[in-house]
Amino acid sequence: MNRRSMDIVRELLGVGDDATFAILAERFDVLERTIRNDIASINSFLEGSGLGLINYGPGGSIVLPDDFVELRDRLPEGDSLRIGSRATSGGCLRVCSSQTLRVTSPSPRWRAAWARAA
């Protein structure tokens, strides 16, 4: 989850089921579609954590699962929890979770892209 997604979770923990896509979009100065994408990212995190998923209600409302409050204890205090990869000049730095880093050799595909760019 990126910082905005984590901020959305914190916002939802504060307001509960009173939130709508329109309210969150205005609060974070983004499109409602962006909020829907962020909710999809949050749902991926929830699913991986064994928690219920956020659902969409009528009129753009957001329906939180009963166990959503458990997220309060699972969120890191820092700016973000990133899961993904970042290419570096000497290899690939893969961030698997907030506590695990894996450095691997660049893939042949990445090497070819790097050679074209150089």
PDB file of N, CA and C in Angstrom:
ATOM      1  N   MET A   1       0.846  -1.184   0.000  1.00  0.00           N
ATOM      2  CA  MET A   1       0.000   0.000   0.000  1.00  0.00           C
ATOM      3  C   MET A   1       0.880   1.233   0.000  1.00  0.00           C
ATOM      4  N   ASN A   2       0.496   2.220  -0.784  1.00  0.00           N
ATOM      5  CA  ASN A   2       1.242   3.466  -0.777  1.00  0.00           C
ATOM      6  C   ASN A   2       0.738   4.383   0.344  1.00  0.00           C
ATOM      7  N   ARG A   3       1.344   5.528   0.456  1.00  0.00           N
ATOM      8  CA  ARG A   3       1.008   6.436   1.552  1.00  0.00           C
ATOM      9  C   ARG A   3      -0.452   6.857   1.512  1.00  0.00           C
ATOM     10  N   ARG A   4      -0.965   7.211   0.318  1.00  0.00           N
ATOM     11  CA  ARG A   4      -2.353   7.653   0.229  1.00  0.00           C
ATOM     12  C   ARG A   4      -3.295   6.529   0.652  1.00  0.00           C
ATOM     13  N   SER A   5      -3.016   5.302   0.233  1.00  0.00           N
ATOM     14  CA  SER A   5      -3.860   4.179   0.633  1.00  0.00           C
ATOM     15  C   SER A   5      -3.868   4.019   2.147  1.00  0.00           C
ATOM     16  N   MET A   6      -2.704   4.162   2.764  1.00  0.00           N
ATOM     17  CA  MET A   6      -2.641   4.060   4.219  1.00  0.00           C
ATOM     18  C   MET A   6      -3.373   5.216   4.881  1.00  0.00           C
ATOM     19  N   ASP A   7      -3.284   6.415   4.288  1.00  0.00           N
ATOM     20  CA  ASP A   7      -4.029   7.553   4.813  1.00  0.00           C
ATOM     21  C   ASP A   7      -5.532   7.334   4.664  1.00  0.00           C
ATOM     22  N   ILE A   8      -5.948   6.694   3.574  1.00  0.00           N
ATOM     23  CA  ILE A   8      -7.367   6.360   3.384  1.00  0.00           C
ATOM     24  C   ILE A   8      -7.812   5.387   4.470  1.00  0.00           C
ATOM     25  N   VAL A   9      -6.996   4.378   4.754  1.00  0.00           N
ATOM     26  CA  VAL A   9      -7.329   3.436   5.825  1.00  0.00           C
ATOM     27  C   VAL A   9      -7.495   4.183   7.138  1.00  0.00           C
ATOM     28  N   ARG A  10      -6.565   5.070   7.439  1.00  0.00           N
ATOM     29  CA  ARG A  10      -6.658   5.842   8.689  1.00  0.00           C
ATOM     30  C   ARG A  10      -7.935   6.699   8.712  1.00  0.00           C
ATOM     31  N   GLU A  11      -8.255   7.296   7.590  1.00  0.00           N
ATOM     32  CA  GLU A  11      -9.475   8.099   7.483  1.00  0.00           C
ATOM     33  C   GLU A  11     -10.712   7.224   7.716  1.00  0.00           C
ATOM     34  N   LEU A  12     -10.739   6.051   7.084  1.00  0.00           N
ATOM     35  CA  LEU A  12     -11.871   5.142   7.249  1.00  0.00           C
ATOM     36  C   LEU A  12     -11.985   4.632   8.687  1.00  0.00           C
ATOM     37  N   LEU A  13     -10.858   4.436   9.338  1.00  0.00           N
ATOM     38  CA  LEU A  13     -10.886   4.027  10.743  1.00  0.00           C
ATOM     39  C   LEU A  13     -11.518   5.116  11.599  1.00  0.00           C
ATOM     40  N   GLY A  14     -11.354   6.377  11.180  1.00  0.00           N
ATOM     41  CA  GLY A  14     -11.913   7.493  11.936  1.00  0.00           C
ATOM     42  C   GLY A  14     -13.392   7.736  11.672  1.00  0.00           C
ATOM     43  N   VAL A  15     -13.804   7.622  10.416  1.00  0.00           N
ATOM     44  CA  VAL A  15     -15.190   7.967  10.070  1.00  0.00           C
ATOM     45  C   VAL A  15     -16.088   6.752   9.891  1.00  0.00           C
ATOM     46  N   GLY A  16     -15.514   5.587   9.713  1.00  0.00           N
ATOM     47  CA  GLY A  16     -16.311   4.373   9.559  1.00  0.00           C
ATOM     48  C   GLY A  16     -17.120   4.362   8.279  1.00  0.00           C
ATOM     49  N   ASP A  17     -18.328   3.853   8.369  1.00  0.00           N
ATOM     50  CA  ASP A  17     -19.180   3.679   7.192  1.00  0.00           C
ATOM     51  C   ASP A  17     -19.782   4.991   6.674  1.00  0.00           C
ATOM     52  N   ASP A  18     -19.442   6.119   7.261  1.00  0.00           N
ATOM     53  CA  ASP A  18     -19.964   7.409   6.784  1.00  0.00           C
ATOM     54  C   ASP A  18     -19.223   7.905   5.554  1.00  0.00           C
ATOM     55  N   ALA A  19     -18.172   7.241   5.156  1.00  0.00           N
ATOM     56  CA  ALA A  19     -17.359   7.692   4.024  1.00  0.00           C
ATOM     57  C   ALA A  19     -18.004   7.294   2.700  1.00  0.00           C
ATOM     58  N   THR A  20     -17.771   8.136   1.698  1.00  0.00           N
ATOM     59  CA  THR A  20     -18.170   7.827   0.329  1.00  0.00           C
ATOM     60  C   THR A  20     -16.960   8.068  -0.570  1.00  0.00           C
ATOM     61  N   PHE A  21     -17.051   7.552  -1.802  1.00  0.00           N
ATOM     62  CA  PHE A  21     -15.962   7.802  -2.750  1.00  0.00           C
ATOM     63  C   PHE A  21     -15.802   9.289  -2.999  1.00  0.00           C
ATOM     64  N   ALA A  22     -16.909  10.013  -3.092  1.00  0.00           N
ATOM     65  CA  ALA A  22     -16.854  11.457  -3.356  1.00  0.00           C
ATOM     66  C   ALA A  22     -16.169  12.203  -2.217  1.00  0.00           C
ATOM     67  N   ILE A  23     -16.495  11.847  -0.988  1.00  0.00           N
ATOM     68  CA  ILE A  23     -15.887  12.512   0.176  1.00  0.00           C
ATOM     69  C   ILE A  23     -14.383  12.250   0.208  1.00  0.00           C
ATOM     70  N   LEU A  24     -13.997  10.979  -0.003  1.00  0.00           N
ATOM     71  CA  LEU A  24     -12.564  10.650   0.016  1.00  0.00           C
ATOM     72  C   LEU A  24     -11.829  11.311  -1.146  1.00  0.00           C
ATOM     73  N   ALA A  25     -12.444  11.349  -2.324  1.00  0.00           N
ATOM     74  CA  ALA A  25     -11.803  11.991  -3.475  1.00  0.00           C
ATOM     75  C   ALA A  25     -11.568  13.463  -3.195  1.00  0.00           C
ATOM     76  N   GLU A  26     -12.526  14.118  -2.588  1.00  0.00           N
ATOM     77  CA  GLU A  26     -12.363  15.541  -2.250  1.00  0.00           C
ATOM     78  C   GLU A  26     -11.302  15.714  -1.171  1.00  0.00           C
ATOM     79  N   ARG A  27     -11.354  14.861  -0.175  1.00  0.00           N
ATOM     80  CA  ARG A  27     -10.398  14.956   0.945  1.00  0.00           C
ATOM     81  C   ARG A  27      -8.953  14.791   0.471  1.00  0.00           C
ATOM     82  N   PHE A  28      -8.723  13.869  -0.483  1.00  0.00           N
ATOM     83  CA  PHE A  28      -7.367  13.588  -0.949  1.00  0.00           C
ATOM     84  C   PHE A  28      -7.045  14.271  -2.276  1.00  0.00           C
ATOM     85  N   ASP A  29      -7.983  15.068  -2.772  1.00  0.00           N
ATOM     86  CA  ASP A  29      -7.784  15.850  -3.998  1.00  0.00           C
ATOM     87  C   ASP A  29      -7.390  14.970  -5.182  1.00  0.00           C
ATOM     88  N   VAL A  30      -8.171  13.902  -5.370  1.00  0.00           N
ATOM     89  CA  VAL A  30      -7.979  12.978  -6.481  1.00  0.00           C
ATOM     90  C   VAL A  30      -9.347  12.643  -7.063  1.00  0.00           C
ATOM     91  N   LEU A  31      -9.362  11.919  -8.163  1.00  0.00           N
ATOM     92  CA  LEU A  31     -10.608  11.466  -8.765  1.00  0.00           C
ATOM     93  C   LEU A  31     -11.190  10.292  -7.979  1.00  0.00           C
ATOM     94  N   GLU A  32     -12.500  10.109  -8.091  1.00  0.00           N
ATOM     95  CA  GLU A  32     -13.133   8.966  -7.442  1.00  0.00           C
ATOM     96  C   GLU A  32     -12.552   7.655  -7.958  1.00  0.00           C
ATOM     97  N   ARG A  33     -12.190   7.632  -9.231  1.00  0.00           N
ATOM     98  CA  ARG A  33     -11.583   6.432  -9.815  1.00  0.00           C
ATOM     99  C   ARG A  33     -10.278   6.079  -9.094  1.00  0.00           C
ATOM    100  N   THR A  34      -9.512   7.097  -8.721  1.00  0.00           N
ATOM    101  CA  THR A  34      -8.265   6.878  -7.984  1.00  0.00           C
ATOM    102  C   THR A  34      -8.563   6.254  -6.622  1.00  0.00           C
ATOM    103  N   ILE A  35      -9.612   6.735  -5.971  1.00  0.00           N
ATOM    104  CA  ILE A  35     -10.005   6.165  -4.677  1.00  0.00           C
ATOM    105  C   ILE A  35     -10.418   4.708  -4.859  1.00  0.00           C
ATOM    106  N   ARG A  36     -11.153   4.404  -5.937  1.00  0.00           N
ATOM    107  CA  ARG A  36     -11.544   3.010  -6.204  1.00  0.00           C
ATOM    108  C   ARG A  36     -10.304   2.126  -6.398  1.00  0.00           C
ATOM    109  N   ASN A  37      -9.307   2.652  -7.108  1.00  0.00           N
ATOM    110  CA  ASN A  37      -8.056   1.896  -7.289  1.00  0.00           C
ATOM    111  C   ASN A  37      -7.340   1.700  -5.958  1.00  0.00           C
ATOM    112  N   ASP A  38      -7.334   2.736  -5.134  1.00  0.00           N
ATOM    113  CA  ASP A  38      -6.694   2.622  -3.819  1.00  0.00           C
ATOM    114  C   ASP A  38      -7.433   1.604  -2.947  1.00  0.00           C
ATOM    115  N   ILE A  39      -8.769   1.603  -3.025  1.00  0.00           N
ATOM    116  CA  ILE A  39      -9.550   0.629  -2.259  1.00  0.00           C
ATOM    117  C   ILE A  39      -9.226  -0.791  -2.735  1.00  0.00           C
ATOM    118  N   ALA A  40      -9.026  -0.966  -4.044  1.00  0.00           N
ATOM    119  CA  ALA A  40      -8.636  -2.281  -4.574  1.00  0.00           C
ATOM    120  C   ALA A  40      -7.290  -2.705  -3.990  1.00  0.00           C
ATOM    121  N   SER A  41      -6.353  -1.769  -3.887  1.00  0.00           N
ATOM    122  CA  SER A  41      -5.050  -2.056  -3.288  1.00  0.00           C
ATOM    123  C   SER A  41      -5.197  -2.410  -1.809  1.00  0.00           C
ATOM    124  N   ILE A  42      -6.034  -1.660  -1.116  1.00  0.00           N
ATOM    125  CA  ILE A  42      -6.292  -1.931   0.304  1.00  0.00           C
ATOM    126  C   ILE A  42      -6.921  -3.309   0.454  1.00  0.00           C
ATOM    127  N   ASN A  43      -7.865  -3.650  -0.428  1.00  0.00           N
ATOM    128  CA  ASN A  43      -8.509  -4.966  -0.365  1.00  0.00           C
ATOM    129  C   ASN A  43      -7.513  -6.096  -0.581  1.00  0.00           C
ATOM    130  N   SER A  44      -6.531  -5.886  -1.455  1.00  0.00           N
ATOM    131  CA  SER A  44      -5.481  -6.899  -1.646  1.00  0.00           C
ATOM    132  C   SER A  44      -4.715  -7.116  -0.349  1.00  0.00           C
ATOM    133  N   PHE A  45      -4.406  -6.025   0.326  1.00  0.00           N
ATOM    134  CA  PHE A  45      -3.718  -6.103   1.609  1.00  0.00           C
ATOM    135  C   PHE A  45      -4.595  -6.811   2.640  1.00  0.00           C
ATOM    136  N   LEU A  46      -5.899  -6.451   2.678  1.00  0.00           N
ATOM    137  CA  LEU A  46      -6.814  -7.070   3.632  1.00  0.00           C
ATOM    138  C   LEU A  46      -6.933  -8.563   3.389  1.00  0.00           C
ATOM    139  N   GLU A  47      -7.042  -8.938   2.117  1.00  0.00           N
ATOM    140  CA  GLU A  47      -7.168 -10.350   1.765  1.00  0.00           C
ATOM    141  C   GLU A  47      -5.935 -11.128   2.210  1.00  0.00           C
ATOM    142  N   GLY A  48      -4.752 -10.547   1.981  1.00  0.00           N
ATOM    143  CA  GLY A  48      -3.511 -11.185   2.402  1.00  0.00           C
ATOM    144  C   GLY A  48      -3.359 -11.259   3.904  1.00  0.00           C
ATOM    145  N   SER A  49      -4.069 -10.388   4.613  1.00  0.00           N
ATOM    146  CA  SER A  49      -4.013 -10.364   6.078  1.00  0.00           C
ATOM    147  C   SER A  49      -5.111 -11.206   6.714  1.00  0.00           C
ATOM    148  N   GLY A  50      -5.951 -11.812   5.873  1.00  0.00           N
ATOM    149  CA  GLY A  50      -7.028 -12.641   6.397  1.00  0.00           C
ATOM    150  C   GLY A  50      -8.200 -11.850   6.947  1.00  0.00           C
ATOM    151  N   LEU A  51      -8.329 -10.599   6.539  1.00  0.00           N
ATOM    152  CA  LEU A  51      -9.429  -9.756   7.007  1.00  0.00           C
ATOM    153  C   LEU A  51     -10.490  -9.633   5.926  1.00  0.00           C
ATOM    154  N   GLY A  52     -11.684  -9.197   6.315  1.00  0.00           N
ATOM    155  CA  GLY A  52     -12.758  -8.985   5.368  1.00  0.00           C
ATOM    156  C   GLY A  52     -12.440  -7.838   4.418  1.00  0.00           C
ATOM    157  N   LEU A  53     -13.149  -7.790   3.295  1.00  0.00           N
ATOM    158  CA  LEU A  53     -12.888  -6.797   2.265  1.00  0.00           C
ATOM    159  C   LEU A  53     -13.842  -5.610   2.361  1.00  0.00           C
ATOM    160  N   ILE A  54     -13.382  -4.461   1.897  1.00  0.00           N
ATOM    161  CA  ILE A  54     -14.213  -3.272   1.791  1.00  0.00           C
ATOM    162  C   ILE A  54     -15.145  -3.468   0.602  1.00  0.00           C
ATOM    163  N   ASN A  55     -16.417  -3.163   0.784  1.00  0.00           N
ATOM    164  CA  ASN A  55     -17.396  -3.297  -0.289  1.00  0.00           C
ATOM    165  C   ASN A  55     -17.953  -1.936  -0.666  1.00  0.00           C
ATOM    166  N   TYR A  56     -18.576  -1.882  -1.832  1.00  0.00           N
ATOM    167  CA  TYR A  56     -19.206  -0.659  -2.324  1.00  0.00           C
ATOM    168  C   TYR A  56     -20.694  -0.740  -2.048  1.00  0.00           C
ATOM    169  N   GLY A  57     -21.245   0.325  -1.492  1.00  0.00           N
ATOM    170  CA  GLY A  57     -22.676   0.374  -1.210  1.00  0.00           C
ATOM    171  C   GLY A  57     -23.380   1.317  -2.174  1.00  0.00           C
ATOM    172  N   PRO A  58     -24.666   1.530  -1.960  1.00  0.00           N
ATOM    173  CA  PRO A  58     -25.429   2.413  -2.837  1.00  0.00           C
ATOM    174  C   PRO A  58     -24.972   3.871  -2.709  1.00  0.00           C
ATOM    175  N   GLY A  59     -25.075   4.604  -3.810  1.00  0.00           N
ATOM    176  CA  GLY A  59     -24.737   6.028  -3.796  1.00  0.00           C
ATOM    177  C   GLY A  59     -23.267   6.320  -3.564  1.00  0.00           C
ATOM    178  N   GLY A  60     -22.404   5.383  -3.915  1.00  0.00           N
ATOM    179  CA  GLY A  60     -20.973   5.611  -3.740  1.00  0.00           C
ATOM    180  C   GLY A  60     -20.490   5.451  -2.315  1.00  0.00           C
ATOM    181  N   SER A  61     -21.319   4.814  -1.474  1.00  0.00           N
ATOM    182  CA  SER A  61     -20.904   4.619  -0.089  1.00  0.00           C
ATOM    183  C   SER A  61     -19.884   3.488   0.013  1.00  0.00           C
ATOM    184  N   ILE A  62     -19.169   3.495   1.105  1.00  0.00           N
ATOM    185  CA  ILE A  62     -18.133   2.494   1.370  1.00  0.00           C
ATOM    186  C   ILE A  62     -18.573   1.691   2.584  1.00  0.00           C
ATOM    187  N   VAL A  63     -18.637   0.376   2.429  1.00  0.00           N
ATOM    188  CA  VAL A  63     -19.078  -0.508   3.504  1.00  0.00           C
ATOM    189  C   VAL A  63     -17.856  -1.271   4.018  1.00  0.00           C
ATOM    190  N   LEU A  64     -17.527  -1.025   5.279  1.00  0.00           N
ATOM    191  CA  LEU A  64     -16.345  -1.639   5.874  1.00  0.00           C
ATOM    192  C   LEU A  64     -16.675  -2.998   6.487  1.00  0.00           C
ATOM    193  N   PRO A  65     -15.731  -3.936   6.426  1.00  0.00           N
ATOM    194  CA  PRO A  65     -15.957  -5.236   7.079  1.00  0.00           C
ATOM    195  C   PRO A  65     -15.944  -5.063   8.598  1.00  0.00           C
ATOM    196  N   ASP A  66     -16.569  -5.991   9.289  1.00  0.00           N
ATOM    197  CA  ASP A  66     -16.644  -5.914  10.755  1.00  0.00           C
ATOM    198  C   ASP A  66     -15.273  -5.898  11.419  1.00  0.00           C
ATOM    199  N   ASP A  67     -14.311  -6.583  10.820  1.00  0.00           N
ATOM    200  CA  ASP A  67     -12.984  -6.690  11.437  1.00  0.00           C
ATOM    201  C   ASP A  67     -12.022  -5.586  10.970  1.00  0.00           C
ATOM    202  N   PHE A  68     -12.523  -4.554  10.320  1.00  0.00           N
ATOM    203  CA  PHE A  68     -11.669  -3.503   9.768  1.00  0.00           C
ATOM    204  C   PHE A  68     -10.836  -2.800  10.850  1.00  0.00           C
ATOM    205  N   VAL A  69     -11.378  -2.668  12.049  1.00  0.00           N
ATOM    206  CA  VAL A  69     -10.659  -1.982  13.126  1.00  0.00           C
ATOM    207  C   VAL A  69      -9.353  -2.692  13.493  1.00  0.00           C
ATOM    208  N   GLU A  70      -9.251  -3.980  13.156  1.00  0.00           N
ATOM    209  CA  GLU A  70      -8.006  -4.707  13.441  1.00  0.00           C
ATOM    210  C   GLU A  70      -6.826  -4.144  12.655  1.00  0.00           C
ATOM    211  N   LEU A  71      -7.110  -3.415  11.591  1.00  0.00           N
ATOM    212  CA  LEU A  71      -6.035  -2.814  10.794  1.00  0.00           C
ATOM    213  C   LEU A  71      -5.260  -1.767  11.580  1.00  0.00           C
ATOM    214  N   ARG A  72      -5.905  -1.143  12.553  1.00  0.00           N
ATOM    215  CA  ARG A  72      -5.251  -0.091  13.345  1.00  0.00           C
ATOM    216  C   ARG A  72      -3.925  -0.580  13.916  1.00  0.00           C
ATOM    217  N   ASP A  73      -3.895  -1.837  14.377  1.00  0.00           N
ATOM    218  CA  ASP A  73      -2.675  -2.394  14.975  1.00  0.00           C
ATOM    219  C   ASP A  73      -1.693  -2.922  13.941  1.00  0.00           C
ATOM    220  N   ARG A  74      -2.127  -3.077  12.697  1.00  0.00           N
ATOM    221  CA  ARG A  74      -1.262  -3.662  11.663  1.00  0.00           C
ATOM    222  C   ARG A  74      -0.578  -2.630  10.786  1.00  0.00           C
ATOM    223  N   LEU A  75      -0.997  -1.383  10.874  1.00  0.00           N
ATOM    224  CA  LEU A  75      -0.390  -0.352  10.035  1.00  0.00           C
ATOM    225  C   LEU A  75       0.939   0.088  10.607  1.00  0.00           C
ATOM    226  N   PRO A  76       1.948   0.208   9.760  1.00  0.00           N
ATOM    227  CA  PRO A  76       3.237   0.726  10.242  1.00  0.00           C
ATOM    228  C   PRO A  76       3.109   2.211  10.546  1.00  0.00           C
ATOM    229  N   GLU A  77       3.968   2.707  11.379  1.00  0.00           N
ATOM    230  CA  GLU A  77       3.946   4.116  11.762  1.00  0.00           C
ATOM    231  C   GLU A  77       4.537   5.029  10.698  1.00  0.00           C
ATOM    232  N   GLY A  78       5.365   4.482   9.818  1.00  0.00           N
ATOM    233  CA  GLY A  78       6.049   5.298   8.811  1.00  0.00           C
ATOM    234  C   GLY A  78       5.119   5.756   7.707  1.00  0.00           C
ATOM    235  N   ASP A  79       5.728   6.283   6.653  1.00  0.00           N
ATOM    236  CA  ASP A  79       4.979   6.836   5.542  1.00  0.00           C
ATOM    237  C   ASP A  79       4.305   5.797   4.676  1.00  0.00           C
ATOM    238  N   SER A  80       4.935   4.635   4.490  1.00  0.00           N
ATOM    239  CA  SER A  80       4.342   3.696   3.546  1.00  0.00           C
ATOM    240  C   SER A  80       4.802   2.275   3.805  1.00  0.00           C
ATOM    241  N   LEU A  81       4.006   1.393   3.265  1.00  0.00           N
ATOM    242  CA  LEU A  81       4.340  -0.021   3.221  1.00  0.00           C
ATOM    243  C   LEU A  81       4.357  -0.365   1.749  1.00  0.00           C
ATOM    244  N   ARG A  82       5.528  -0.564   1.202  1.00  0.00           N
ATOM    245  CA  ARG A  82       5.643  -0.788  -0.223  1.00  0.00           C
ATOM    246  C   ARG A  82       5.929  -2.250  -0.511  1.00  0.00           C
ATOM    247  N   ILE A  83       5.199  -2.750  -1.482  1.00  0.00           N
ATOM    248  CA  ILE A  83       5.450  -4.099  -1.959  1.00  0.00           C
ATOM    249  C   ILE A  83       5.653  -3.969  -3.452  1.00  0.00           C
ATOM    250  N   GLY A  84       6.822  -4.342  -3.953  1.00  0.00           N
ATOM    251  CA  GLY A  84       7.107  -4.203  -5.369  1.00  0.00           C
ATOM    252  C   GLY A  84       8.586  -4.311  -5.628  1.00  0.00           C
ATOM    253  N   SER A  85       9.004  -3.840  -6.776  1.00  0.00           N
ATOM    254  CA  SER A  85      10.411  -3.914  -7.167  1.00  0.00           C
ATOM    255  C   SER A  85      10.903  -2.557  -7.623  1.00  0.00           C
ATOM    256  N   ARG A  86      12.174  -2.340  -7.480  1.00  0.00           N
ATOM    257  CA  ARG A  86      12.808  -1.126  -7.970  1.00  0.00           C
ATOM    258  C   ARG A  86      14.109  -1.543  -8.627  1.00  0.00           C
ATOM    259  N   ALA A  87      14.297  -1.160  -9.878  1.00  0.00           N
ATOM    260  CA  ALA A  87      15.523  -1.506 -10.586  1.00  0.00           C
ATOM    261  C   ALA A  87      16.656  -0.597 -10.140  1.00  0.00           C
ATOM    262  N   THR A  88      17.826  -1.169  -9.982  1.00  0.00           N
ATOM    263  CA  THR A  88      19.017  -0.399  -9.656  1.00  0.00           C
ATOM    264  C   THR A  88      20.075  -0.728 -10.694  1.00  0.00           C
ATOM    265  N   SER A  89      21.169   0.017 -10.702  1.00  0.00           N
ATOM    266  CA  SER A  89      22.181  -0.209 -11.724  1.00  0.00           C
ATOM    267  C   SER A  89      22.880  -1.552 -11.562  1.00  0.00           C
ATOM    268  N   GLY A  90      22.947  -2.088 -10.353  1.00  0.00           N
ATOM    269  CA  GLY A  90      23.670  -3.332 -10.143  1.00  0.00           C
ATOM    270  C   GLY A  90      22.794  -4.548  -9.999  1.00  0.00           C
ATOM    271  N   GLY A  91      21.500  -4.364  -9.973  1.00  0.00           N
ATOM    272  CA  GLY A  91      20.609  -5.501  -9.793  1.00  0.00           C
ATOM    273  C   GLY A  91      19.207  -5.021  -9.546  1.00  0.00           C
ATOM    274  N   CYS A  92      18.433  -5.872  -9.002  1.00  0.00           N
ATOM    275  CA  CYS A  92      17.036  -5.549  -8.733  1.00  0.00           C
ATOM    276  C   CYS A  92      16.829  -5.623  -7.229  1.00  0.00           C
ATOM    277  N   LEU A  93      16.342  -4.567  -6.655  1.00  0.00           N
ATOM    278  CA  LEU A  93      16.041  -4.541  -5.232  1.00  0.00           C
ATOM    279  C   LEU A  93      14.551  -4.810  -5.092  1.00  0.00           C
ATOM    280  N   ARG A  94      14.205  -5.908  -4.506  1.00  0.00           N
ATOM    281  CA  ARG A  94      12.799  -6.297  -4.378  1.00  0.00           C
ATOM    282  C   ARG A  94      12.385  -6.149  -2.926  1.00  0.00           C
ATOM    283  N   VAL A  95      11.370  -5.353  -2.699  1.00  0.00           N
ATOM    284  CA  VAL A  95      10.851  -5.163  -1.359  1.00  0.00           C
ATOM    285  C   VAL A  95       9.660  -6.088  -1.204  1.00  0.00           C
ATOM    286  N   CYS A  96       9.838  -7.104  -0.390  1.00  0.00           N
ATOM    287  CA  CYS A  96       8.811  -8.130  -0.239  1.00  0.00           C
ATOM    288  C   CYS A  96       7.823  -7.783   0.865  1.00  0.00           C
ATOM    289  N   SER A  97       8.229  -7.048   1.850  1.00  0.00           N
ATOM    290  CA  SER A  97       7.347  -6.583   2.914  1.00  0.00           C
ATOM    291  C   SER A  97       8.064  -5.450   3.617  1.00  0.00           C
ATOM    292  N   SER A  98       7.492  -4.938   4.675  1.00  0.00           N
ATOM    293  CA  SER A  98       8.118  -3.836   5.382  1.00  0.00           C
ATOM    294  C   SER A  98       9.399  -4.255   6.096  1.00  0.00           C
ATOM    295  N   GLN A  99       9.644  -5.562   6.224  1.00  0.00           N
ATOM    296  CA  GLN A  99      10.811  -6.017   6.967  1.00  0.00           C
ATOM    297  C   GLN A  99      11.752  -6.891   6.159  1.00  0.00           C
ATOM    298  N   THR A 100      11.422  -7.196   4.919  1.00  0.00           N
ATOM    299  CA  THR A 100      12.228  -8.120   4.136  1.00  0.00           C
ATOM    300  C   THR A 100      12.680  -7.469   2.844  1.00  0.00           C
ATOM    301  N   LEU A 101      13.973  -7.533   2.557  1.00  0.00           N
ATOM    302  CA  LEU A 101      14.530  -7.052   1.303  1.00  0.00           C
ATOM    303  C   LEU A 101      15.243  -8.205   0.624  1.00  0.00           C
ATOM    304  N   ARG A 102      15.123  -8.273  -0.681  1.00  0.00           N
ATOM    305  CA  ARG A 102      15.823  -9.308  -1.432  1.00  0.00           C
ATOM    306  C   ARG A 102      16.501  -8.636  -2.616  1.00  0.00           C
ATOM    307  N   VAL A 103      17.782  -8.870  -2.773  1.00  0.00           N
ATOM    308  CA  VAL A 103      18.524  -8.316  -3.902  1.00  0.00           C
ATOM    309  C   VAL A 103      18.814  -9.465  -4.857  1.00  0.00           C
ATOM    310  N   THR A 104      18.406  -9.284  -6.097  1.00  0.00           N
ATOM    311  CA  THR A 104      18.611 -10.332  -7.095  1.00  0.00           C
ATOM    312  C   THR A 104      19.332  -9.759  -8.294  1.00  0.00           C
ATOM    313  N   SER A 105      19.858 -10.622  -9.120  1.00  0.00           N
ATOM    314  CA  SER A 105      20.506 -10.186 -10.355  1.00  0.00           C
ATOM    315  C   SER A 105      19.442  -9.680 -11.316  1.00  0.00           C
ATOM    316  N   PRO A 106      19.821  -8.750 -12.183  1.00  0.00           N
ATOM    317  CA  PRO A 106      18.854  -8.263 -13.152  1.00  0.00           C
ATOM    318  C   PRO A 106      18.429  -9.370 -14.115  1.00  0.00           C
ATOM    319  N   SER A 107      17.182  -9.339 -14.513  1.00  0.00           N
ATOM    320  CA  SER A 107      16.692 -10.327 -15.470  1.00  0.00           C
ATOM    321  C   SER A 107      17.231  -9.999 -16.859  1.00  0.00           C
ATOM    322  N   PRO A 108      17.255 -10.978 -17.755  1.00  0.00           N
ATOM    323  CA  PRO A 108      17.699 -10.699 -19.129  1.00  0.00           C
ATOM    324  C   PRO A 108      16.870  -9.596 -19.783  1.00  0.00           C
ATOM    325  N   ARG A 109      15.583  -9.564 -19.486  1.00  0.00           N
ATOM    326  CA  ARG A 109      14.715  -8.528 -20.043  1.00  0.00           C
ATOM    327  C   ARG A 109      15.133  -7.144 -19.549  1.00  0.00           C
ATOM    328  N   TRP A 110      15.437  -7.048 -18.241  1.00  0.00           N
ATOM    329  CA  TRP A 110      15.866  -5.779 -17.668  1.00  0.00           C
ATOM    330  C   TRP A 110      17.216  -5.368 -18.256  1.00  0.00           C
ATOM    331  N   ARG A 111      18.135  -6.350 -18.394  1.00  0.00           N
ATOM    332  CA  ARG A 111      19.440  -6.054 -18.979  1.00  0.00           C
ATOM    333  C   ARG A 111      19.307  -5.497 -20.392  1.00  0.00           C
ATOM    334  N   ALA A 112      18.400  -6.082 -21.190  1.00  0.00           N
ATOM    335  CA  ALA A 112      18.182  -5.620 -22.562  1.00  0.00           C
ATOM    336  C   ALA A 112      17.625  -4.193 -22.565  1.00  0.00           C
ATOM    337  N   ALA A 113      16.714  -3.905 -21.675  1.00  0.00           N
ATOM    338  CA  ALA A 113      16.157  -2.548 -21.590  1.00  0.00           C
ATOM    339  C   ALA A 113      17.225  -1.557 -21.158  1.00  0.00           C
ATOM    340  N   TRP A 114      18.067  -1.969 -20.228  1.00  0.00           N
ATOM    341  CA  TRP A 114      19.158  -1.097 -19.753  1.00  0.00           C
ATOM    342  C   TRP A 114      20.150  -0.827 -20.877  1.00  0.00           C
ATOM    343  N   ALA A 115      20.471  -1.853 -21.676  1.00  0.00           N
ATOM    344  CA  ALA A 115      21.415  -1.704 -22.781  1.00  0.00           C
ATOM    345  C   ALA A 115      20.852  -0.742 -23.849  1.00  0.00           C
ATOM    346  N   ARG A 116      19.543  -0.834 -24.111  1.00  0.00           N
ATOM    347  CA  ARG A 116      18.932   0.068 -25.096  1.00  0.00           C
ATOM    348  C   ARG A 116      18.949   1.509 -24.620  1.00  0.00           C
ATOM    349  N   ALA A 117      18.766   1.689 -23.298  1.00  0.00           N
ATOM    350  CA  ALA A 117      18.724   3.048 -22.748  1.00  0.00           C
ATOM    351  C   ALA A 117      20.095   3.681 -22.663  1.00  0.00           C
ATOM    352  N   ALA A 118      21.146   2.858 -22.601  1.00  0.00           N
ATOM    353  CA  ALA A 118      22.513   3.381 -22.410  1.00  0.00           C
ATOM    354  C   ALA A 118      23.119   3.920 -23.664  1.00  0.00           C
TER     355      ALA A 118
END
